[in-house]
Amino acid sequence: MRIAICDDNKLDAKRIEWALLDLGKDMDITYYPSGHDLLDEMAKREEREQFDVIFLDIYMPGENGIDVADRIKEISPSTDIIFSTSSKDHAIEAFRVQAIDYLVKPYEEIDIV
């Protein structure tokens, strides 16, 4: 499974990665510090090489994760998005971009898996 974690806070991203690695499944996890970096990488990939799941922060410097999610869905409609953010304020918008989950920081490992 190809997983991307996009969060400007590396520690938050590592927490997600550690929780996922505890599952012990075959996962290819890639970290991106910004939506711009993630979208640049996705634009280079063919559809069959796209991420299966993306954990996406909403509040990143100069970016809104909801806008990034819109672009993700344009590039790869089959990619699942899980928001990981510090606020409940965008939960309704998350449905519009067909997010499969919405995690509010701080969360427990059980919330991730």
PDB file of N, CA and C in Angstrom:
ATOM      1  N   MET A   1       0.844  -1.174   0.000  1.00  0.00           N
ATOM      2  CA  MET A   1       0.000   0.000   0.000  1.00  0.00           C
ATOM      3  C   MET A   1       0.890   1.239   0.000  1.00  0.00           C
ATOM      4  N   ARG A   2       0.572   2.178  -0.892  1.00  0.00           N
ATOM      5  CA  ARG A   2       1.316   3.434  -0.986  1.00  0.00           C
ATOM      6  C   ARG A   2       0.583   4.505  -0.177  1.00  0.00           C
ATOM      7  N   ILE A   3       1.284   5.053   0.812  1.00  0.00           N
ATOM      8  CA  ILE A   3       0.696   6.043   1.716  1.00  0.00           C
ATOM      9  C   ILE A   3       1.555   7.296   1.724  1.00  0.00           C
ATOM     10  N   ALA A   4       0.910   8.461   1.657  1.00  0.00           N
ATOM     11  CA  ALA A   4       1.597   9.743   1.809  1.00  0.00           C
ATOM     12  C   ALA A   4       1.088  10.399   3.082  1.00  0.00           C
ATOM     13  N   ILE A   5       2.004  11.058   3.766  1.00  0.00           N
ATOM     14  CA  ILE A   5       1.651  11.865   4.929  1.00  0.00           C
ATOM     15  C   ILE A   5       2.100  13.286   4.607  1.00  0.00           C
ATOM     16  N   CYS A   6       1.150  14.199   4.571  1.00  0.00           N
ATOM     17  CA  CYS A   6       1.443  15.591   4.230  1.00  0.00           C
ATOM     18  C   CYS A   6       1.086  16.468   5.424  1.00  0.00           C
ATOM     19  N   ASP A   7       2.123  16.947   6.110  1.00  0.00           N
ATOM     20  CA  ASP A   7       1.922  17.738   7.325  1.00  0.00           C
ATOM     21  C   ASP A   7       3.152  18.602   7.519  1.00  0.00           C
ATOM     22  N   ASP A   8       2.966  19.866   7.820  1.00  0.00           N
ATOM     23  CA  ASP A   8       4.105  20.745   8.046  1.00  0.00           C
ATOM     24  C   ASP A   8       4.799  20.459   9.375  1.00  0.00           C
ATOM     25  N   ASN A   9       4.137  19.706  10.254  1.00  0.00           N
ATOM     26  CA  ASN A   9       4.724  19.336  11.537  1.00  0.00           C
ATOM     27  C   ASN A   9       5.263  17.914  11.437  1.00  0.00           C
ATOM     28  N   LYS A  10       6.576  17.793  11.377  1.00  0.00           N
ATOM     29  CA  LYS A  10       7.207  16.487  11.171  1.00  0.00           C
ATOM     30  C   LYS A  10       6.887  15.511  12.310  1.00  0.00           C
ATOM     31  N   LEU A  11       6.780  16.003  13.534  1.00  0.00           N
ATOM     32  CA  LEU A  11       6.465  15.121  14.660  1.00  0.00           C
ATOM     33  C   LEU A  11       5.063  14.520  14.503  1.00  0.00           C
ATOM     34  N   ASP A  12       4.095  15.327  14.089  1.00  0.00           N
ATOM     35  CA  ASP A  12       2.750  14.801  13.842  1.00  0.00           C
ATOM     36  C   ASP A  12       2.776  13.747  12.739  1.00  0.00           C
ATOM     37  N   ALA A  13       3.549  14.003  11.706  1.00  0.00           N
ATOM     38  CA  ALA A  13       3.674  13.036  10.611  1.00  0.00           C
ATOM     39  C   ALA A  13       4.311  11.738  11.103  1.00  0.00           C
ATOM     40  N   LYS A  14       5.319  11.851  11.940  1.00  0.00           N
ATOM     41  CA  LYS A  14       5.985  10.660  12.479  1.00  0.00           C
ATOM     42  C   LYS A  14       5.031   9.837  13.344  1.00  0.00           C
ATOM     43  N   ARG A  15       4.177  10.494  14.096  1.00  0.00           N
ATOM     44  CA  ARG A  15       3.196   9.776  14.924  1.00  0.00           C
ATOM     45  C   ARG A  15       2.273   8.915  14.053  1.00  0.00           C
ATOM     46  N   ILE A  16       1.855   9.472  12.943  1.00  0.00           N
ATOM     47  CA  ILE A  16       1.023   8.707  12.019  1.00  0.00           C
ATOM     48  C   ILE A  16       1.818   7.537  11.456  1.00  0.00           C
ATOM     49  N   GLU A  17       3.031   7.814  11.035  1.00  0.00           N
ATOM     50  CA  GLU A  17       3.871   6.757  10.469  1.00  0.00           C
ATOM     51  C   GLU A  17       4.089   5.624  11.473  1.00  0.00           C
ATOM     52  N   TRP A  18       4.414   5.957  12.715  1.00  0.00           N
ATOM     53  CA  TRP A  18       4.647   4.927  13.743  1.00  0.00           C
ATOM     54  C   TRP A  18       3.393   4.081  13.956  1.00  0.00           C
ATOM     55  N   ALA A  19       2.240   4.727  13.999  1.00  0.00           N
ATOM     56  CA  ALA A  19       0.996   3.980  14.182  1.00  0.00           C
ATOM     57  C   ALA A  19       0.757   3.034  13.010  1.00  0.00           C
ATOM     58  N   LEU A  20       1.015   3.497  11.820  1.00  0.00           N
ATOM     59  CA  LEU A  20       0.818   2.652  10.644  1.00  0.00           C
ATOM     60  C   LEU A  20       1.799   1.488  10.626  1.00  0.00           C
ATOM     61  N   LEU A  21       3.045   1.742  10.998  1.00  0.00           N
ATOM     62  CA  LEU A  21       4.057   0.684  10.995  1.00  0.00           C
ATOM     63  C   LEU A  21       3.748  -0.384  12.035  1.00  0.00           C
ATOM     64  N   ASP A  22       3.046   0.007  13.102  1.00  0.00           N
ATOM     65  CA  ASP A  22       2.636  -0.973  14.115  1.00  0.00           C
ATOM     66  C   ASP A  22       1.666  -2.008  13.554  1.00  0.00           C
ATOM     67  N   LEU A  23       1.013  -1.679  12.448  1.00  0.00           N
ATOM     68  CA  LEU A  23       0.097  -2.636  11.819  1.00  0.00           C
ATOM     69  C   LEU A  23       0.853  -3.808  11.196  1.00  0.00           C
ATOM     70  N   GLY A  24       2.123  -3.580  10.873  1.00  0.00           N
ATOM     71  CA  GLY A  24       2.972  -4.638  10.341  1.00  0.00           C
ATOM     72  C   GLY A  24       2.662  -5.055   8.917  1.00  0.00           C
ATOM     73  N   LYS A  25       1.874  -4.287   8.201  1.00  0.00           N
ATOM     74  CA  LYS A  25       1.551  -4.620   6.818  1.00  0.00           C
ATOM     75  C   LYS A  25       2.585  -4.012   5.879  1.00  0.00           C
ATOM     76  N   ASP A  26       2.590  -4.489   4.651  1.00  0.00           N
ATOM     77  CA  ASP A  26       3.507  -3.984   3.636  1.00  0.00           C
ATOM     78  C   ASP A  26       3.060  -2.587   3.203  1.00  0.00           C
ATOM     79  N   MET A  27       3.789  -1.567   3.669  1.00  0.00           N
ATOM     80  CA  MET A  27       3.431  -0.190   3.362  1.00  0.00           C
ATOM     81  C   MET A  27       4.639   0.597   2.897  1.00  0.00           C
ATOM     82  N   ASP A  28       4.411   1.403   1.898  1.00  0.00           N
ATOM     83  CA  ASP A  28       5.411   2.341   1.407  1.00  0.00           C
ATOM     84  C   ASP A  28       4.915   3.726   1.824  1.00  0.00           C
ATOM     85  N   ILE A  29       5.556   4.295   2.857  1.00  0.00           N
ATOM     86  CA  ILE A  29       5.103   5.564   3.435  1.00  0.00           C
ATOM     87  C   ILE A  29       6.078   6.674   3.055  1.00  0.00           C
ATOM     88  N   THR A  30       5.530   7.759   2.493  1.00  0.00           N
ATOM     89  CA  THR A  30       6.342   8.896   2.074  1.00  0.00           C
ATOM     90  C   THR A  30       5.829  10.153   2.761  1.00  0.00           C
ATOM     91  N   TYR A  31       6.760  10.968   3.257  1.00  0.00           N
ATOM     92  CA  TYR A  31       6.410  12.201   3.964  1.00  0.00           C
ATOM     93  C   TYR A  31       6.605  13.409   3.051  1.00  0.00           C
ATOM     94  N   TYR A  32       5.661  14.342   3.112  1.00  0.00           N
ATOM     95  CA  TYR A  32       5.750  15.615   2.390  1.00  0.00           C
ATOM     96  C   TYR A  32       5.464  16.749   3.377  1.00  0.00           C
ATOM     97  N   PRO A  33       6.345  17.748   3.454  1.00  0.00           N
ATOM     98  CA  PRO A  33       6.150  18.855   4.398  1.00  0.00           C
ATOM     99  C   PRO A  33       5.144  19.908   3.923  1.00  0.00           C
ATOM    100  N   SER A  34       4.700  19.790   2.660  1.00  0.00           N
ATOM    101  CA  SER A  34       3.733  20.768   2.149  1.00  0.00           C
ATOM    102  C   SER A  34       2.860  20.127   1.076  1.00  0.00           C
ATOM    103  N   GLY A  35       1.696  20.705   0.887  1.00  0.00           N
ATOM    104  CA  GLY A  35       0.811  20.253  -0.170  1.00  0.00           C
ATOM    105  C   GLY A  35       1.428  20.461  -1.537  1.00  0.00           C
ATOM    106  N   HIS A  36       2.172  21.536  -1.683  1.00  0.00           N
ATOM    107  CA  HIS A  36       2.838  21.827  -2.952  1.00  0.00           C
ATOM    108  C   HIS A  36       3.788  20.689  -3.329  1.00  0.00           C
ATOM    109  N   ASP A  37       4.589  20.237  -2.366  1.00  0.00           N
ATOM    110  CA  ASP A  37       5.522  19.132  -2.630  1.00  0.00           C
ATOM    111  C   ASP A  37       4.776  17.852  -2.999  1.00  0.00           C
ATOM    112  N   LEU A  38       3.709  17.572  -2.284  1.00  0.00           N
ATOM    113  CA  LEU A  38       2.906  16.379  -2.558  1.00  0.00           C
ATOM    114  C   LEU A  38       2.299  16.444  -3.964  1.00  0.00           C
ATOM    115  N   LEU A  39       1.686  17.560  -4.302  1.00  0.00           N
ATOM    116  CA  LEU A  39       1.051  17.699  -5.610  1.00  0.00           C
ATOM    117  C   LEU A  39       2.059  17.635  -6.750  1.00  0.00           C
ATOM    118  N   ASP A  40       3.248  18.207  -6.545  1.00  0.00           N
ATOM    119  CA  ASP A  40       4.301  18.110  -7.557  1.00  0.00           C
ATOM    120  C   ASP A  40       4.657  16.653  -7.829  1.00  0.00           C
ATOM    121  N   GLU A  41       4.798  15.877  -6.768  1.00  0.00           N
ATOM    122  CA  GLU A  41       5.129  14.459  -6.923  1.00  0.00           C
ATOM    123  C   GLU A  41       3.993  13.707  -7.603  1.00  0.00           C
ATOM    124  N   MET A  42       2.774  13.967  -7.202  1.00  0.00           N
ATOM    125  CA  MET A  42       1.633  13.272  -7.795  1.00  0.00           C
ATOM    126  C   MET A  42       1.495  13.575  -9.288  1.00  0.00           C
ATOM    127  N   ALA A  43       1.794  14.809  -9.677  1.00  0.00           N
ATOM    128  CA  ALA A  43       1.692  15.199 -11.084  1.00  0.00           C
ATOM    129  C   ALA A  43       2.666  14.413 -11.962  1.00  0.00           C
ATOM    130  N   LYS A  44       3.737  13.919 -11.385  1.00  0.00           N
ATOM    131  CA  LYS A  44       4.748  13.156 -12.133  1.00  0.00           C
ATOM    132  C   LYS A  44       4.379  11.681 -12.275  1.00  0.00           C
ATOM    133  N   ARG A  45       3.465  11.207 -11.465  1.00  0.00           N
ATOM    134  CA  ARG A  45       3.129   9.777 -11.438  1.00  0.00           C
ATOM    135  C   ARG A  45       1.965   9.448 -12.359  1.00  0.00           C
ATOM    136  N   GLU A  46       1.998   8.240 -12.877  1.00  0.00           N
ATOM    137  CA  GLU A  46       0.856   7.726 -13.625  1.00  0.00           C
ATOM    138  C   GLU A  46      -0.200   7.270 -12.622  1.00  0.00           C
ATOM    139  N   GLU A  47      -1.442   7.116 -13.075  1.00  0.00           N
ATOM    140  CA  GLU A  47      -2.548   6.759 -12.179  1.00  0.00           C
ATOM    141  C   GLU A  47      -2.247   5.485 -11.394  1.00  0.00           C
ATOM    142  N   ARG A  48      -1.689   4.486 -12.023  1.00  0.00           N
ATOM    143  CA  ARG A  48      -1.428   3.219 -11.334  1.00  0.00           C
ATOM    144  C   ARG A  48      -0.339   3.333 -10.275  1.00  0.00           C
ATOM    145  N   GLU A  49       0.388   4.442 -10.278  1.00  0.00           N
ATOM    146  CA  GLU A  49       1.470   4.672  -9.314  1.00  0.00           C
ATOM    147  C   GLU A  49       1.080   5.647  -8.207  1.00  0.00           C
ATOM    148  N   GLN A  50      -0.167   6.117  -8.236  1.00  0.00           N
ATOM    149  CA  GLN A  50      -0.603   7.106  -7.255  1.00  0.00           C
ATOM    150  C   GLN A  50      -0.745   6.477  -5.870  1.00  0.00           C
ATOM    151  N   PHE A  51      -0.838   7.336  -4.875  1.00  0.00           N
ATOM    152  CA  PHE A  51      -0.998   6.887  -3.494  1.00  0.00           C
ATOM    153  C   PHE A  51      -2.379   6.262  -3.304  1.00  0.00           C
ATOM    154  N   ASP A  52      -2.422   5.250  -2.458  1.00  0.00           N
ATOM    155  CA  ASP A  52      -3.699   4.640  -2.095  1.00  0.00           C
ATOM    156  C   ASP A  52      -4.409   5.503  -1.058  1.00  0.00           C
ATOM    157  N   VAL A  53      -3.625   6.028  -0.111  1.00  0.00           N
ATOM    158  CA  VAL A  53      -4.162   6.835   0.992  1.00  0.00           C
ATOM    159  C   VAL A  53      -3.223   8.005   1.253  1.00  0.00           C
ATOM    160  N   ILE A  54      -3.816   9.157   1.544  1.00  0.00           N
ATOM    161  CA  ILE A  54      -3.040  10.331   1.937  1.00  0.00           C
ATOM    162  C   ILE A  54      -3.594  10.861   3.255  1.00  0.00           C
ATOM    163  N   PHE A  55      -2.719  10.991   4.249  1.00  0.00           N
ATOM    164  CA  PHE A  55      -3.038  11.678   5.494  1.00  0.00           C
ATOM    165  C   PHE A  55      -2.660  13.139   5.262  1.00  0.00           C
ATOM    166  N   LEU A  56      -3.621  14.026   5.382  1.00  0.00           N
ATOM    167  CA  LEU A  56      -3.424  15.413   4.963  1.00  0.00           C
ATOM    168  C   LEU A  56      -3.820  16.395   6.058  1.00  0.00           C
ATOM    169  N   ASP A  57      -2.865  17.244   6.429  1.00  0.00           N
ATOM    170  CA  ASP A  57      -3.135  18.332   7.370  1.00  0.00           C
ATOM    171  C   ASP A  57      -3.928  19.409   6.638  1.00  0.00           C
ATOM    172  N   ILE A  58      -4.710  20.170   7.353  1.00  0.00           N
ATOM    173  CA  ILE A  58      -5.456  21.264   6.731  1.00  0.00           C
ATOM    174  C   ILE A  58      -4.726  22.591   6.882  1.00  0.00           C
ATOM    175  N   TYR A  59      -4.176  22.846   8.066  1.00  0.00           N
ATOM    176  CA  TYR A  59      -3.512  24.125   8.316  1.00  0.00           C
ATOM    177  C   TYR A  59      -2.008  23.993   8.103  1.00  0.00           C
ATOM    178  N   MET A  60      -1.560  24.437   6.930  1.00  0.00           N
ATOM    179  CA  MET A  60      -0.132  24.461   6.621  1.00  0.00           C
ATOM    180  C   MET A  60       0.204  25.867   6.135  1.00  0.00           C
ATOM    181  N   PRO A  61       1.417  26.345   6.377  1.00  0.00           N
ATOM    182  CA  PRO A  61       1.774  27.713   5.981  1.00  0.00           C
ATOM    183  C   PRO A  61       1.497  27.985   4.502  1.00  0.00           C
ATOM    184  N   GLY A  62       0.662  28.982   4.254  1.00  0.00           N
ATOM    185  CA  GLY A  62       0.365  29.403   2.893  1.00  0.00           C
ATOM    186  C   GLY A  62      -0.534  28.448   2.121  1.00  0.00           C
ATOM    187  N   GLU A  63      -1.058  27.410   2.787  1.00  0.00           N
ATOM    188  CA  GLU A  63      -1.878  26.425   2.091  1.00  0.00           C
ATOM    189  C   GLU A  63      -3.071  26.022   2.944  1.00  0.00           C
ATOM    190  N   ASN A  64      -4.107  25.631   2.271  1.00  0.00           N
ATOM    191  CA  ASN A  64      -5.276  25.076   2.931  1.00  0.00           C
ATOM    192  C   ASN A  64      -5.419  23.638   2.435  1.00  0.00           C
ATOM    193  N   GLY A  65      -5.427  22.685   3.350  1.00  0.00           N
ATOM    194  CA  GLY A  65      -5.493  21.284   2.981  1.00  0.00           C
ATOM    195  C   GLY A  65      -6.737  20.916   2.187  1.00  0.00           C
ATOM    196  N   ILE A  66      -7.826  21.648   2.370  1.00  0.00           N
ATOM    197  CA  ILE A  66      -9.033  21.382   1.586  1.00  0.00           C
ATOM    198  C   ILE A  66      -8.762  21.676   0.113  1.00  0.00           C
ATOM    199  N   ASP A  67      -8.061  22.788  -0.160  1.00  0.00           N
ATOM    200  CA  ASP A  67      -7.701  23.120  -1.545  1.00  0.00           C
ATOM    201  C   ASP A  67      -6.750  22.069  -2.123  1.00  0.00           C
ATOM    202  N   VAL A  68      -5.812  21.614  -1.306  1.00  0.00           N
ATOM    203  CA  VAL A  68      -4.885  20.563  -1.740  1.00  0.00           C
ATOM    204  C   VAL A  68      -5.671  19.289  -2.054  1.00  0.00           C
ATOM    205  N   ALA A  69      -6.650  18.961  -1.221  1.00  0.00           N
ATOM    206  CA  ALA A  69      -7.466  17.767  -1.442  1.00  0.00           C
ATOM    207  C   ALA A  69      -8.236  17.847  -2.767  1.00  0.00           C
ATOM    208  N   ASP A  70      -8.732  19.043  -3.101  1.00  0.00           N
ATOM    209  CA  ASP A  70      -9.403  19.225  -4.396  1.00  0.00           C
ATOM    210  C   ASP A  70      -8.478  18.836  -5.543  1.00  0.00           C
ATOM    211  N   ARG A  71      -7.248  19.292  -5.475  1.00  0.00           N
ATOM    212  CA  ARG A  71      -6.257  18.982  -6.529  1.00  0.00           C
ATOM    213  C   ARG A  71      -5.905  17.493  -6.520  1.00  0.00           C
ATOM    214  N   ILE A  72      -5.783  16.911  -5.335  1.00  0.00           N
ATOM    215  CA  ILE A  72      -5.495  15.473  -5.246  1.00  0.00           C
ATOM    216  C   ILE A  72      -6.559  14.689  -5.998  1.00  0.00           C
ATOM    217  N   LYS A  73      -7.820  15.022  -5.765  1.00  0.00           N
ATOM    218  CA  LYS A  73      -8.925  14.308  -6.409  1.00  0.00           C
ATOM    219  C   LYS A  73      -8.958  14.533  -7.918  1.00  0.00           C
ATOM    220  N   GLU A  74      -8.483  15.687  -8.382  1.00  0.00           N
ATOM    221  CA  GLU A  74      -8.380  15.932  -9.820  1.00  0.00           C
ATOM    222  C   GLU A  74      -7.312  15.038 -10.441  1.00  0.00           C
ATOM    223  N   ILE A  75      -6.198  14.896  -9.734  1.00  0.00           N
ATOM    224  CA  ILE A  75      -5.084  14.090 -10.235  1.00  0.00           C
ATOM    225  C   ILE A  75      -5.386  12.607 -10.118  1.00  0.00           C
ATOM    226  N   SER A  76      -5.941  12.208  -8.982  1.00  0.00           N
ATOM    227  CA  SER A  76      -6.175  10.792  -8.710  1.00  0.00           C
ATOM    228  C   SER A  76      -7.483  10.602  -7.941  1.00  0.00           C
ATOM    229  N   PRO A  77      -8.595  10.495  -8.633  1.00  0.00           N
ATOM    230  CA  PRO A  77      -9.900  10.363  -7.964  1.00  0.00           C
ATOM    231  C   PRO A  77     -10.008   9.155  -7.037  1.00  0.00           C
ATOM    232  N   SER A  78      -9.227   8.126  -7.275  1.00  0.00           N
ATOM    233  CA  SER A  78      -9.335   6.915  -6.454  1.00  0.00           C
ATOM    234  C   SER A  78      -8.514   6.966  -5.166  1.00  0.00           C
ATOM    235  N   THR A  79      -7.697   7.988  -4.995  1.00  0.00           N
ATOM    236  CA  THR A  79      -6.897   8.116  -3.778  1.00  0.00           C
ATOM    237  C   THR A  79      -7.794   8.516  -2.606  1.00  0.00           C
ATOM    238  N   ASP A  80      -7.684   7.763  -1.504  1.00  0.00           N
ATOM    239  CA  ASP A  80      -8.435   8.085  -0.294  1.00  0.00           C
ATOM    240  C   ASP A  80      -7.700   9.153   0.508  1.00  0.00           C
ATOM    241  N   ILE A  81      -8.461  10.067   1.092  1.00  0.00           N
ATOM    242  CA  ILE A  81      -7.891  11.155   1.893  1.00  0.00           C
ATOM    243  C   ILE A  81      -8.406  11.043   3.321  1.00  0.00           C
ATOM    244  N   ILE A  82      -7.459  11.140   4.261  1.00  0.00           N
ATOM    245  CA  ILE A  82      -7.786  11.212   5.682  1.00  0.00           C
ATOM    246  C   ILE A  82      -7.206  12.526   6.195  1.00  0.00           C
ATOM    247  N   PHE A  83      -8.066  13.415   6.634  1.00  0.00           N
ATOM    248  CA  PHE A  83      -7.572  14.671   7.181  1.00  0.00           C
ATOM    249  C   PHE A  83      -7.068  14.451   8.603  1.00  0.00           C
ATOM    250  N   SER A  84      -5.988  15.109   8.915  1.00  0.00           N
ATOM    251  CA  SER A  84      -5.372  15.064  10.236  1.00  0.00           C
ATOM    252  C   SER A  84      -5.067  16.507  10.602  1.00  0.00           C
ATOM    253  N   THR A  85      -5.899  17.094  11.454  1.00  0.00           N
ATOM    254  CA  THR A  85      -5.795  18.528  11.668  1.00  0.00           C
ATOM    255  C   THR A  85      -6.107  18.917  13.111  1.00  0.00           C
ATOM    256  N   SER A  86      -5.870  20.167  13.426  1.00  0.00           N
ATOM    257  CA  SER A  86      -6.030  20.637  14.796  1.00  0.00           C
ATOM    258  C   SER A  86      -7.404  21.246  15.079  1.00  0.00           C
ATOM    259  N   SER A  87      -8.299  21.238  14.107  1.00  0.00           N
ATOM    260  CA  SER A  87      -9.584  21.908  14.275  1.00  0.00           C
ATOM    261  C   SER A  87     -10.723  21.106  13.640  1.00  0.00           C
ATOM    262  N   LYS A  88     -11.895  21.223  14.220  1.00  0.00           N
ATOM    263  CA  LYS A  88     -13.093  20.595  13.650  1.00  0.00           C
ATOM    264  C   LYS A  88     -13.746  21.493  12.604  1.00  0.00           C
ATOM    265  N   ASP A  89     -13.207  22.683  12.404  1.00  0.00           N
ATOM    266  CA  ASP A  89     -13.852  23.695  11.571  1.00  0.00           C
ATOM    267  C   ASP A  89     -14.103  23.288  10.118  1.00  0.00           C
ATOM    268  N   HIS A  90     -13.364  22.352   9.601  1.00  0.00           N
ATOM    269  CA  HIS A  90     -13.489  21.995   8.177  1.00  0.00           C
ATOM    270  C   HIS A  90     -14.089  20.609   7.954  1.00  0.00           C
ATOM    271  N   ALA A  91     -14.671  20.043   8.981  1.00  0.00           N
ATOM    272  CA  ALA A  91     -15.211  18.676   8.870  1.00  0.00           C
ATOM    273  C   ALA A  91     -16.281  18.577   7.781  1.00  0.00           C
ATOM    274  N   ILE A  92     -17.144  19.563   7.667  1.00  0.00           N
ATOM    275  CA  ILE A  92     -18.185  19.526   6.640  1.00  0.00           C
ATOM    276  C   ILE A  92     -17.568  19.617   5.251  1.00  0.00           C
ATOM    277  N   GLU A  93     -16.572  20.485   5.098  1.00  0.00           N
ATOM    278  CA  GLU A  93     -15.888  20.594   3.801  1.00  0.00           C
ATOM    279  C   GLU A  93     -15.190  19.293   3.422  1.00  0.00           C
ATOM    280  N   ALA A  94     -14.765  18.541   4.407  1.00  0.00           N
ATOM    281  CA  ALA A  94     -14.077  17.270   4.144  1.00  0.00           C
ATOM    282  C   ALA A  94     -14.987  16.303   3.399  1.00  0.00           C
ATOM    283  N   PHE A  95     -16.275  16.348   3.678  1.00  0.00           N
ATOM    284  CA  PHE A  95     -17.220  15.485   2.964  1.00  0.00           C
ATOM    285  C   PHE A  95     -17.278  15.842   1.481  1.00  0.00           C
ATOM    286  N   ARG A  96     -17.156  17.120   1.180  1.00  0.00           N
ATOM    287  CA  ARG A  96     -17.213  17.571  -0.215  1.00  0.00           C
ATOM    288  C   ARG A  96     -16.097  16.964  -1.054  1.00  0.00           C
ATOM    289  N   VAL A  97     -14.930  16.776  -0.448  1.00  0.00           N
ATOM    290  CA  VAL A  97     -13.804  16.183  -1.179  1.00  0.00           C
ATOM    291  C   VAL A  97     -13.717  14.676  -0.936  1.00  0.00           C
ATOM    292  N   GLN A  98     -14.782  14.122  -0.370  1.00  0.00           N
ATOM    293  CA  GLN A  98     -14.924  12.682  -0.179  1.00  0.00           C
ATOM    294  C   GLN A  98     -13.840  12.080   0.717  1.00  0.00           C
ATOM    295  N   ALA A  99     -13.463  12.806   1.769  1.00  0.00           N
ATOM    296  CA  ALA A  99     -12.501  12.266   2.734  1.00  0.00           C
ATOM    297  C   ALA A  99     -13.117  11.045   3.412  1.00  0.00           C
ATOM    298  N   ILE A 100     -12.281  10.058   3.705  1.00  0.00           N
ATOM    299  CA  ILE A 100     -12.808   8.855   4.360  1.00  0.00           C
ATOM    300  C   ILE A 100     -12.731   8.948   5.879  1.00  0.00           C
ATOM    301  N   ASP A 101     -11.973   9.931   6.390  1.00  0.00           N
ATOM    302  CA  ASP A 101     -11.904  10.131   7.837  1.00  0.00           C
ATOM    303  C   ASP A 101     -11.411  11.540   8.122  1.00  0.00           C
ATOM    304  N   TYR A 102     -11.633  11.980   9.365  1.00  0.00           N
ATOM    305  CA  TYR A 102     -11.250  13.325   9.794  1.00  0.00           C
ATOM    306  C   TYR A 102     -10.752  13.198  11.227  1.00  0.00           C
ATOM    307  N   LEU A 103      -9.452  13.233  11.410  1.00  0.00           N
ATOM    308  CA  LEU A 103      -8.838  13.092  12.729  1.00  0.00           C
ATOM    309  C   LEU A 103      -8.495  14.462  13.285  1.00  0.00           C
ATOM    310  N   VAL A 104      -8.859  14.689  14.533  1.00  0.00           N
ATOM    311  CA  VAL A 104      -8.553  15.968  15.179  1.00  0.00           C
ATOM    312  C   VAL A 104      -7.407  15.744  16.169  1.00  0.00           C
ATOM    313  N   LYS A 105      -6.341  16.538  15.993  1.00  0.00           N
ATOM    314  CA  LYS A 105      -5.169  16.466  16.872  1.00  0.00           C
ATOM    315  C   LYS A 105      -5.523  17.036  18.235  1.00  0.00           C
ATOM    316  N   PRO A 106      -5.009  16.546  19.299  1.00  0.00           N
ATOM    317  CA  PRO A 106      -4.179  15.343  19.391  1.00  0.00           C
ATOM    318  C   PRO A 106      -5.065  14.098  19.347  1.00  0.00           C
ATOM    319  N   TYR A 107      -4.617  13.114  18.654  1.00  0.00           N
ATOM    320  CA  TYR A 107      -5.359  11.874  18.530  1.00  0.00           C
ATOM    321  C   TYR A 107      -4.526  10.737  19.084  1.00  0.00           C
ATOM    322  N   GLU A 108      -5.177   9.630  19.299  1.00  0.00           N
ATOM    323  CA  GLU A 108      -4.517   8.441  19.813  1.00  0.00           C
ATOM    324  C   GLU A 108      -4.155   7.531  18.647  1.00  0.00           C
ATOM    325  N   GLU A 109      -3.204   6.652  18.858  1.00  0.00           N
ATOM    326  CA  GLU A 109      -2.802   5.720  17.818  1.00  0.00           C
ATOM    327  C   GLU A 109      -3.995   4.901  17.315  1.00  0.00           C
ATOM    328  N   ILE A 110      -4.886   4.543  18.197  1.00  0.00           N
ATOM    329  CA  ILE A 110      -6.064   3.755  17.817  1.00  0.00           C
ATOM    330  C   ILE A 110      -6.944   4.502  16.817  1.00  0.00           C
ATOM    331  N   ASP A 111      -6.938   5.839  16.856  1.00  0.00           N
ATOM    332  CA  ASP A 111      -7.719   6.631  15.908  1.00  0.00           C
ATOM    333  C   ASP A 111      -7.159   6.530  14.498  1.00  0.00           C
ATOM    334  N   ILE A 112      -5.862   6.336  14.388  1.00  0.00           N
ATOM    335  CA  ILE A 112      -5.189   6.299  13.091  1.00  0.00           C
ATOM    336  C   ILE A 112      -5.387   4.964  12.405  1.00  0.00           C
ATOM    337  N   VAL A 113      -5.275   3.900  13.179  1.00  0.00           N
ATOM    338  CA  VAL A 113      -5.358   2.580  12.576  1.00  0.00           C
ATOM    339  C   VAL A 113      -6.788   2.119  12.560  1.00  0.00           C
TER     340      VAL A 113
END
